[in-house]
Protein backbone atom coordinates (compact mmCIF):
# COMPACT_ATOMS: atom_id res chain seq x y z
CA MET A 1 177.98 12.63 136.95
CA PRO A 2 176.31 9.77 138.90
CA ARG A 3 174.48 7.18 136.80
CA LYS A 4 171.22 7.65 138.73
CA PHE A 5 171.27 11.36 138.02
CA LYS A 6 171.78 10.70 134.31
CA ARG A 7 168.84 8.31 134.31
CA ALA A 8 166.69 10.92 136.01
CA ILE A 9 167.61 13.53 133.40
CA ILE A 10 166.63 11.09 130.63
CA ALA A 11 163.49 9.91 132.44
CA ILE A 12 161.98 13.37 133.02
CA PRO A 13 161.70 14.35 129.31
CA ALA A 14 160.44 10.84 128.54
CA LEU A 15 157.71 11.16 131.16
CA ILE A 16 156.71 14.58 129.81
CA ILE A 17 156.48 13.21 126.28
CA ALA A 18 154.49 10.22 127.46
CA PHE A 19 152.16 12.50 129.41
CA CYS A 20 151.56 14.69 126.35
CA LEU A 21 150.85 11.60 124.24
CA ILE A 22 148.62 9.69 126.66
CA VAL A 23 146.52 12.54 128.09
CA PRO A 24 144.97 13.57 124.72
CA LYS A 25 143.65 10.05 124.25
CA VAL A 26 142.17 10.00 127.75
CA ILE A 27 140.48 13.37 127.16
CA GLY A 28 139.15 12.17 123.79
CA THR A 29 137.62 9.14 125.48
CA GLY A 30 135.99 11.43 128.04
CA VAL A 31 134.57 13.63 125.28
CA ARG A 32 133.08 10.62 123.50
CA GLU A 33 131.48 9.38 126.73
CA THR A 34 130.13 12.84 127.61
CA ILE A 35 128.51 13.68 124.29
CA THR A 36 125.86 11.00 124.33
CA ASP A 37 122.25 10.97 123.23
CA GLN A 38 121.23 10.55 126.87
CA ALA A 39 123.11 13.72 127.91
CA LEU A 40 121.58 15.70 125.05
CA ASN A 41 118.12 14.47 126.01
CA GLN A 42 118.68 15.81 129.55
CA LEU A 43 119.13 19.30 128.06
CA ALA A 44 115.81 19.01 126.24
CA ILE A 45 114.10 17.98 129.49
CA ALA A 46 115.72 20.84 131.43
CA THR A 47 114.46 23.41 128.89
CA GLY A 48 110.95 22.00 128.72
CA GLY A 49 111.53 20.79 125.17
CA GLN A 50 112.27 24.31 123.87
CA ILE A 51 115.85 23.35 122.93
CA ASN A 52 116.52 19.98 121.32
CA ILE A 53 120.03 19.02 120.24
CA SER A 54 120.64 15.95 118.12
CA ARG A 55 124.08 14.63 117.30
CA SER A 56 124.49 13.95 113.61
CA LYS A 57 128.20 13.09 113.65
CA LEU A 58 131.02 12.47 116.15
CA GLU A 59 134.58 11.52 115.21
CA SER A 60 137.11 10.96 117.98
CA ARG A 61 140.80 10.95 117.09
CA TRP A 62 143.94 10.90 119.22
CA PHE A 63 144.61 14.63 119.46
CA ASN A 64 141.23 16.08 118.52
CA SER A 65 137.60 15.27 117.90
CA SER A 66 134.94 16.74 115.68
CA ALA A 67 131.20 16.85 116.18
CA GLU A 68 128.19 18.06 114.26
CA PHE A 69 124.88 18.88 115.86
CA ILE A 70 121.43 20.09 114.88
CA ILE A 71 119.82 22.55 117.31
CA ASP A 72 116.02 22.72 117.07
CA LEU A 73 114.23 25.60 118.80
CA THR A 74 110.52 25.37 119.54
CA HIS A 75 107.94 27.93 120.67
CA PRO A 76 107.36 27.86 124.47
CA GLN A 77 103.58 28.10 124.11
CA ASN A 78 102.61 25.78 121.25
CA ASN A 79 105.84 23.75 120.74
CA ASN A 80 105.87 24.67 117.05
CA ALA A 81 109.31 24.59 115.43
CA ILE A 82 110.92 28.04 115.21
CA LEU A 83 114.36 27.33 113.83
CA SER A 84 116.82 24.56 113.07
CA LEU A 85 120.51 25.47 113.31
CA PRO A 86 123.56 23.42 112.29
CA LEU A 87 126.53 23.55 114.67
CA LEU A 88 130.03 22.40 113.78
CA SER A 89 132.67 21.96 116.46
CA LYS A 90 136.28 20.86 116.59
CA ILE A 91 137.53 19.72 119.99
CA HIS A 92 141.26 19.86 120.74
CA HIS A 93 142.52 17.49 123.43
CA GLY A 94 144.98 18.95 125.96
CA PRO A 95 147.45 19.58 127.34
CA ILE A 96 148.81 21.17 124.12
CA LEU A 97 146.07 22.88 122.12
CA LEU A 98 146.77 23.64 118.46
CA THR A 99 143.91 25.97 117.54
CA GLN A 100 143.36 28.35 114.64
CA THR A 101 144.37 31.27 116.86
CA GLY A 102 147.69 29.63 117.75
CA LEU A 103 149.29 27.50 120.43
CA ASP A 104 147.59 27.27 123.82
CA PHE A 105 147.65 25.05 126.87
CA GLY A 106 144.76 23.56 128.81
CA LEU A 107 142.59 20.52 129.35
CA LEU A 108 140.33 21.13 126.39
CA GLY A 109 139.82 23.57 123.55
CA VAL A 110 136.67 23.85 121.42
CA GLU A 111 136.19 25.76 118.17
CA ILE A 112 132.54 26.35 117.25
CA ILE A 113 130.96 27.49 114.01
CA LEU A 114 127.23 28.18 114.25
CA ASP A 115 125.33 29.33 111.16
CA LEU A 116 122.62 31.44 112.75
CA ALA A 117 121.26 32.42 109.34
CA LYS A 118 117.89 34.16 109.76
CA LEU A 119 115.63 34.18 112.81
CA SER A 120 112.06 35.25 112.31
CA SER A 121 108.93 35.85 114.38
CA ASP A 122 105.58 37.53 113.87
CA GLU A 123 107.12 40.94 114.59
CA VAL A 124 110.81 40.94 113.61
CA ALA A 125 113.35 39.31 111.31
CA ILE A 126 116.92 38.88 112.55
CA GLU A 127 119.99 38.21 110.41
CA LEU A 128 123.02 37.17 112.43
CA GLY A 129 125.27 35.45 109.91
CA VAL A 130 127.90 33.08 111.25
CA LEU A 131 128.95 32.92 114.89
CA ALA A 132 132.57 31.88 115.44
CA ALA A 133 133.54 30.97 119.00
CA SER A 134 136.34 29.27 120.88
CA VAL A 135 136.29 27.79 124.37
CA VAL A 136 139.36 26.77 126.38
CA ALA A 137 139.16 24.87 129.69
CA GLY A 138 142.35 25.53 131.68
CA PHE A 139 144.26 23.27 134.01
CA ASN A 140 142.90 25.13 137.05
CA GLN A 141 139.32 24.57 135.76
CA ASN A 142 138.87 28.13 134.53
CA LEU A 143 136.97 28.72 131.31
CA THR A 144 137.89 31.18 128.55
CA VAL A 145 135.33 32.02 125.86
CA GLU A 146 135.84 34.16 122.77
CA ALA A 147 133.15 34.78 120.15
CA SER A 148 132.51 37.13 117.25
CA ILE A 149 129.71 38.00 114.85
CA PRO A 150 130.58 40.19 111.83
CA ASN A 151 127.13 41.72 111.56
CA LEU A 152 123.68 41.56 113.15
CA GLU A 153 120.55 43.07 111.60
CA ILE A 154 117.10 43.39 113.15
CA ARG A 155 114.16 44.51 111.02
CA SER A 156 110.53 44.86 112.01
CA LYS A 157 108.09 43.12 109.72
CA ARG A 158 106.40 46.47 109.12
CA GLU A 159 109.74 47.90 107.91
CA ASN A 160 109.50 50.85 110.30
CA LEU A 161 112.43 49.92 112.57
CA TYR A 162 115.92 48.85 111.59
CA ILE A 163 118.84 48.01 113.91
CA ASN A 164 122.33 47.11 112.75
CA MET A 165 125.23 46.02 114.97
CA SER A 166 128.61 45.53 113.35
CA GLU A 167 131.70 43.64 114.52
CA LEU A 168 130.45 42.14 117.77
CA ASN A 169 133.29 40.67 119.82
CA PHE A 170 132.85 38.86 123.11
CA ASP A 171 135.49 37.48 125.45
CA SER A 172 135.03 36.09 128.92
CA LYS A 173 137.08 34.26 131.52
CA VAL A 174 135.33 32.49 134.39
CA ASN A 175 137.24 30.89 137.26
CA LEU A 176 136.24 27.93 139.40
CA ASP A 177 134.93 30.22 142.17
CA LEU A 178 132.75 31.98 139.54
CA SER A 179 134.87 35.13 139.62
CA GLY A 180 135.77 36.41 136.20
CA HIS A 181 136.01 39.10 133.57
CA THR A 182 133.70 39.64 130.59
CA LYS A 183 133.92 42.22 127.80
CA LEU A 184 131.65 42.97 124.85
CA THR A 185 132.70 45.43 122.14
CA LEU A 186 131.05 46.61 118.94
CA ASN A 187 132.17 48.81 116.10
CA GLU A 188 128.82 50.56 115.71
CA ILE A 189 125.13 50.32 116.59
CA LEU A 190 122.77 51.99 114.15
CA ILE A 191 119.05 52.46 114.92
CA GLN A 192 116.65 53.83 112.32
CA ASN A 193 112.97 54.66 112.70
CA ARG A 194 111.67 55.05 109.18
CA LEU A 195 108.33 56.51 110.25
CA SER A 196 109.90 59.50 112.01
CA ASN A 197 113.15 59.51 109.98
CA ILE A 198 115.15 59.46 113.20
CA GLN A 199 118.56 57.82 113.12
CA ILE A 200 120.64 57.09 116.24
CA SER A 201 124.24 55.88 116.05
CA LEU A 202 126.55 54.62 118.80
CA ASN A 203 130.23 54.40 117.88
CA ASN A 204 132.56 51.85 119.49
CA PRO A 205 130.36 50.99 122.49
CA SER A 206 131.73 48.52 125.02
CA LEU A 207 130.56 46.69 128.13
CA THR A 208 132.85 45.27 130.80
CA LEU A 209 131.82 43.10 133.76
CA GLU A 210 134.14 41.97 136.56
CA THR A 211 133.05 39.75 139.42
CA GLU A 212 134.78 38.30 142.47
CA GLY A 213 132.18 35.53 142.82
CA PRO A 214 128.59 34.61 141.84
CA VAL A 215 126.70 37.69 140.59
CA GLU A 216 123.73 37.00 142.87
CA SER A 217 125.95 36.90 145.97
CA SER A 218 127.33 39.86 147.95
CA SER A 219 130.78 39.48 146.41
CA GLU A 220 132.40 42.48 144.74
CA SER A 221 131.24 43.20 141.18
CA ALA A 222 131.82 46.04 138.71
CA LEU A 223 130.03 46.95 135.48
CA SER A 224 131.18 49.60 133.02
CA VAL A 225 129.47 50.78 129.82
CA VAL A 226 131.39 53.20 127.59
CA ILE A 227 130.04 54.94 124.47
CA PRO A 228 132.61 57.37 123.01
CA SER A 229 130.03 58.95 120.71
CA LEU A 230 126.22 58.91 120.64
CA ALA A 231 124.46 60.94 117.96
CA ALA A 232 120.87 61.39 116.79
CA SER A 233 119.58 63.00 113.61
CA GLU A 234 116.78 65.53 113.28
CA PRO A 235 114.24 66.15 114.70
CA LEU A 236 116.09 65.13 117.91
CA SER A 237 119.45 66.38 116.66
CA PHE A 238 121.89 65.89 119.54
CA LYS A 239 125.32 64.44 120.17
CA VAL A 240 126.91 63.14 123.36
CA ASN A 241 130.66 62.58 123.64
CA ASN A 242 132.15 60.23 126.22
CA LEU A 243 129.03 58.68 127.72
CA ARG A 244 129.86 56.35 130.63
CA LEU A 245 128.00 54.26 133.16
CA ASP A 246 130.04 52.75 136.01
CA TRP A 247 128.36 50.54 138.60
CA ARG A 248 129.97 48.67 141.50
CA SER A 249 128.87 46.52 144.43
CA THR A 250 131.13 45.75 147.40
CA PRO A 251 130.55 43.86 150.65
CA SER A 252 130.25 46.16 153.67
CA SER A 253 133.47 46.47 155.68
CA THR A 254 131.60 47.25 158.90
CA GLU A 255 129.02 44.45 159.08
CA SER A 256 128.54 41.09 157.38
CA GLY A 257 125.42 40.44 155.35
CA LEU A 258 125.36 44.00 153.98
CA THR A 259 126.35 45.31 150.55
CA ASN A 260 127.23 48.79 149.29
CA PHE A 261 126.39 49.97 145.77
CA SER A 262 127.75 52.91 143.80
CA GLN A 263 127.20 54.26 140.29
CA HIS A 264 128.42 57.11 138.12
CA ILE A 265 126.67 58.36 134.99
CA LEU A 266 128.74 60.80 132.95
CA MET A 267 128.01 62.75 129.77
CA ASP A 268 131.24 64.62 129.20
CA GLU A 269 129.97 66.81 126.36
CA ILE A 270 126.41 67.37 125.13
CA VAL A 271 125.77 69.20 121.87
CA SER A 272 122.12 70.04 121.23
CA GLU A 273 119.60 72.87 121.14
CA LEU A 274 119.13 72.51 124.89
CA PRO A 275 121.27 74.61 127.27
CA LEU A 276 122.65 71.51 129.04
CA THR A 277 126.28 70.93 127.93
CA SER A 278 127.51 68.27 130.42
CA PHE A 279 126.06 66.02 133.11
CA SER A 280 127.45 63.91 135.95
CA TRP A 281 125.57 61.91 138.58
CA LYS A 282 127.33 59.96 141.32
CA SER A 283 125.30 57.96 143.80
CA GLU A 284 126.06 55.55 146.64
CA MET A 285 123.74 53.22 148.52
CA SER A 286 125.19 51.63 151.64
CA GLY A 287 123.95 49.03 154.08
CA VAL A 288 121.68 47.01 151.76
CA SER A 289 120.90 43.68 153.40
CA ASP A 290 121.38 40.41 151.54
CA GLU A 291 117.77 39.53 152.40
CA LEU A 292 116.54 42.67 150.61
CA ILE A 293 118.72 41.90 147.56
CA ALA A 294 117.38 38.33 147.41
CA SER A 295 113.77 39.56 147.67
CA TYR A 296 114.34 42.13 144.92
CA ASN A 297 115.83 39.43 142.65
CA ARG A 298 112.82 37.18 143.30
CA MET A 299 110.52 40.03 142.32
CA LEU A 300 112.43 40.58 139.06
CA LEU A 301 112.36 36.87 138.25
CA GLY A 302 108.64 36.79 138.92
CA MET A 303 108.10 39.70 136.52
CA GLN A 304 110.15 37.97 133.82
CA SER A 305 108.73 34.48 134.35
CA GLN A 306 107.29 32.76 131.28
CA THR A 307 105.13 30.42 133.37
CA VAL A 308 101.62 30.10 131.98
CA MET A 309 99.32 31.71 134.58
CA ASP A 310 95.95 33.43 134.52
CA PRO A 311 96.15 37.26 134.80
CA LEU A 312 94.63 37.45 138.30
CA SER A 313 97.09 34.93 139.71
CA ARG A 314 100.00 36.74 138.05
CA VAL A 315 98.90 40.09 139.56
CA ALA A 316 98.51 38.45 142.98
CA GLU A 317 101.98 36.91 142.75
CA LEU A 318 103.64 40.17 141.68
CA THR A 319 101.79 42.05 144.45
CA ARG A 320 103.10 39.57 147.01
CA TYR A 321 106.66 40.00 145.76
CA GLY A 322 106.29 43.79 145.79
CA ASN A 323 104.93 43.85 149.35
CA GLU A 324 107.73 41.58 150.56
CA THR A 325 110.43 43.80 149.02
CA SER A 326 108.80 47.01 150.23
CA SER A 327 108.49 45.68 153.78
CA LEU A 328 112.17 44.71 153.89
CA LEU A 329 113.11 48.12 152.49
CA ILE A 330 111.17 49.90 155.25
CA GLN A 331 112.42 47.63 158.04
CA ASN A 332 116.14 47.91 157.29
CA GLU A 333 118.53 50.82 157.76
CA LEU A 334 119.74 52.41 154.52
CA LYS A 335 121.88 55.36 153.44
CA LEU A 336 121.91 57.17 150.09
CA ALA A 337 124.34 59.81 148.85
CA ASN A 338 123.95 61.65 145.54
CA VAL A 339 126.04 64.29 143.80
CA LEU A 340 124.75 65.88 140.57
CA ILE A 341 126.92 68.29 138.59
CA MET A 342 125.83 69.87 135.32
CA GLU A 343 126.90 72.68 133.06
CA SER A 344 124.14 74.88 131.68
CA TYR A 345 124.04 78.44 130.33
CA GLU A 346 127.86 78.44 130.50
CA GLY A 347 127.93 77.86 134.24
CA GLU A 348 128.31 74.92 136.63
CA HIS A 349 125.49 73.89 138.97
CA SER A 350 125.53 71.12 141.58
CA LEU A 351 123.25 69.33 144.01
CA GLU A 352 124.36 67.16 146.92
CA LEU A 353 121.59 65.06 148.46
CA ASP A 354 122.14 62.69 151.42
CA ILE A 355 119.35 60.48 152.73
CA ALA A 356 119.58 58.36 155.90
CA TRP A 357 116.78 55.92 156.73
CA GLU A 358 116.99 54.44 160.22
CA GLY A 359 114.60 51.62 159.40
CA LEU A 360 111.49 50.44 161.21
CA PRO A 361 112.31 46.85 162.23
CA GLY A 362 109.11 46.50 164.22
CA LEU A 363 106.90 47.16 161.19
CA SER A 364 105.60 43.82 159.90
CA ARG A 365 103.12 45.17 157.33
CA ILE A 366 103.60 48.07 154.95
CA GLU A 367 99.94 49.06 155.53
CA ASP A 368 100.84 49.94 159.14
CA LEU A 369 103.32 52.64 158.11
CA ASN A 370 102.28 56.12 159.25
CA PHE A 371 103.63 59.54 158.39
CA GLU A 372 104.89 60.44 161.88
CA ASP A 373 107.02 57.27 162.24
CA ALA A 374 108.44 57.74 158.75
CA LEU A 375 109.48 61.33 159.55
CA GLU A 376 111.18 60.20 162.76
CA ALA A 377 113.18 57.56 160.90
CA LEU A 378 114.15 59.83 158.00
CA ALA A 379 117.03 62.30 157.76
CA VAL A 380 117.69 64.29 154.58
CA GLU A 381 120.27 66.95 153.79
CA GLY A 382 120.46 68.80 150.50
CA ASN A 383 122.94 71.42 149.30
CA LEU A 384 122.22 73.30 146.07
CA SER A 385 124.84 75.49 144.36
CA LEU A 386 124.02 77.53 141.26
CA SER A 387 126.20 79.75 139.14
CA GLN A 388 124.81 83.26 139.67
CA GLU A 389 126.22 84.63 136.42
CA ALA A 390 124.75 81.75 134.40
CA LEU A 391 121.31 82.11 135.98
CA LEU A 392 121.19 85.85 135.39
CA ALA A 393 121.93 85.21 131.69
CA SER A 394 119.19 82.57 131.46
CA PRO A 395 115.37 82.72 131.20
CA PHE A 396 115.29 81.96 134.95
CA ALA A 397 116.91 85.30 135.93
CA ALA A 398 113.70 86.77 137.39
CA LEU A 399 112.96 83.58 139.31
CA ALA A 400 116.49 83.48 140.72
CA GLU A 401 116.21 87.12 141.81
CA HIS A 402 112.86 86.44 143.50
CA TYR A 403 114.19 83.50 145.56
CA THR A 404 117.30 85.49 146.41
CA ASN A 405 115.15 88.30 147.81
CA GLU A 406 113.17 85.70 149.81
CA ASN A 407 116.47 84.39 151.28
CA TYR A 408 115.97 80.94 149.82
CA LEU A 409 119.03 81.43 147.59
CA ILE A 410 122.06 82.92 149.39
CA PRO A 411 124.60 84.76 147.16
CA ASN A 412 128.29 84.20 147.95
CA ASN A 413 131.23 84.85 145.59
CA GLY A 414 129.18 84.37 142.43
CA VAL A 415 127.34 81.29 143.72
CA LEU A 416 123.71 81.05 144.79
CA SER A 417 123.35 78.37 147.45
CA LEU A 418 120.54 76.71 149.37
CA GLN A 419 120.82 74.26 152.25
CA ALA A 420 117.88 72.18 153.46
CA VAL A 421 117.92 69.67 156.32
CA LEU A 422 115.12 67.36 157.44
CA ASP A 423 115.78 65.60 160.73
CA LYS A 424 113.31 64.11 163.25
CA GLY A 425 110.40 65.87 161.62
CA LEU A 426 112.05 69.30 161.65
CA LEU A 427 112.80 71.03 158.34
CA THR A 428 115.56 73.64 158.30
CA VAL A 429 116.16 75.83 155.25
CA ASN A 430 119.25 78.05 155.39
CA ASP A 431 119.26 77.79 159.22
CA GLU A 432 115.57 78.74 159.48
CA ALA A 433 113.49 76.03 161.20
CA ILE A 434 110.14 75.02 159.72
CA PRO A 435 108.17 72.50 161.88
CA LEU A 436 106.28 69.86 159.92
CA GLU A 437 103.65 68.99 162.52
CA GLN A 438 101.24 71.35 160.76
CA PHE A 439 101.24 68.99 157.76
CA VAL A 440 100.53 65.85 159.83
CA GLN A 441 96.86 65.05 160.30
């Protein structure tokens, strides 16, 4: 074996060892320079003084550092102190991270213990206990966060409402391009109203969010909420098994600057005194412009803003946001598709409703909208299917028979159906045309 090759074999492990020994010290130096009083003061300025963090202790060692902080929360209106929380953190310097959960690799790993103790306001008292969290910054600048709270209790000061959430677990991974995956799971949510003696329980609920980029952009995103069991005590007395909400947004494949949205709400089994035993609603909205999405987000932010403002100015601001969003909604083309399926009186019933709005790009003010132009730009098609056997066994039997005799409901192989189409101001019900000019003044 050539001597140079032997030297290379010896040099490579030596360089790796040197890298693993030197890098932790460099990272520790960076941590010490980052966590400064000046940096913490910038956070207080950015939050308007509502969050103040003071460093009580910082120890920097070769392979890890430890820091202790005091987080002071103040009221946004009067700056009175609300709460003071101690935060303990242990920072592991990469590339080899020896954490409590095991061996990991990355630039930096942080273990956080935050004693949330009790939060209190004029209306509620919150007991959160201890928050345990870990944060790992990867080599490719992604961020992984895991956190857990054993129990969370919320009580109203009047003792009429009680909420308990047990075993909260949160994990999230965010990449450099802001794509990522987030999941929140709980063992149980219990809600009690002691005035009405109503108790609602949600077993093993979970929330999952996946994004391909910033949430506010038109990049693909998906949200899923799953509740295996939802039950309420008397006097409501109902139970829902397999409750799901799935929501998704995807960029349009036909034109840039447009986004498509879809959602599905499912109640697989409903047990109650009502005749409804299952429910499913699928809807799609296609061709939503980025400008309309941005305007809608501005309106929501304006509604949630904590800025001190007199009531008249706040109403004027919200009205302006609402008019802007409404105008964009009317100007742009939009398509909606809905499918509702439900089981009731031991039969399946469905409704398909499609809405196409051509848009009125020349309309600059919503006040200028008139009924004739709206009818010209609107196309609606609805298809209703009802189980004939189920309806005849229900309290609506006489009503179903009446509309069947009037040819609004058409019987066919045990199904009562109705089709309605609105296009260019002409309404057609089961192939019978009904002009709408008589309704236009």
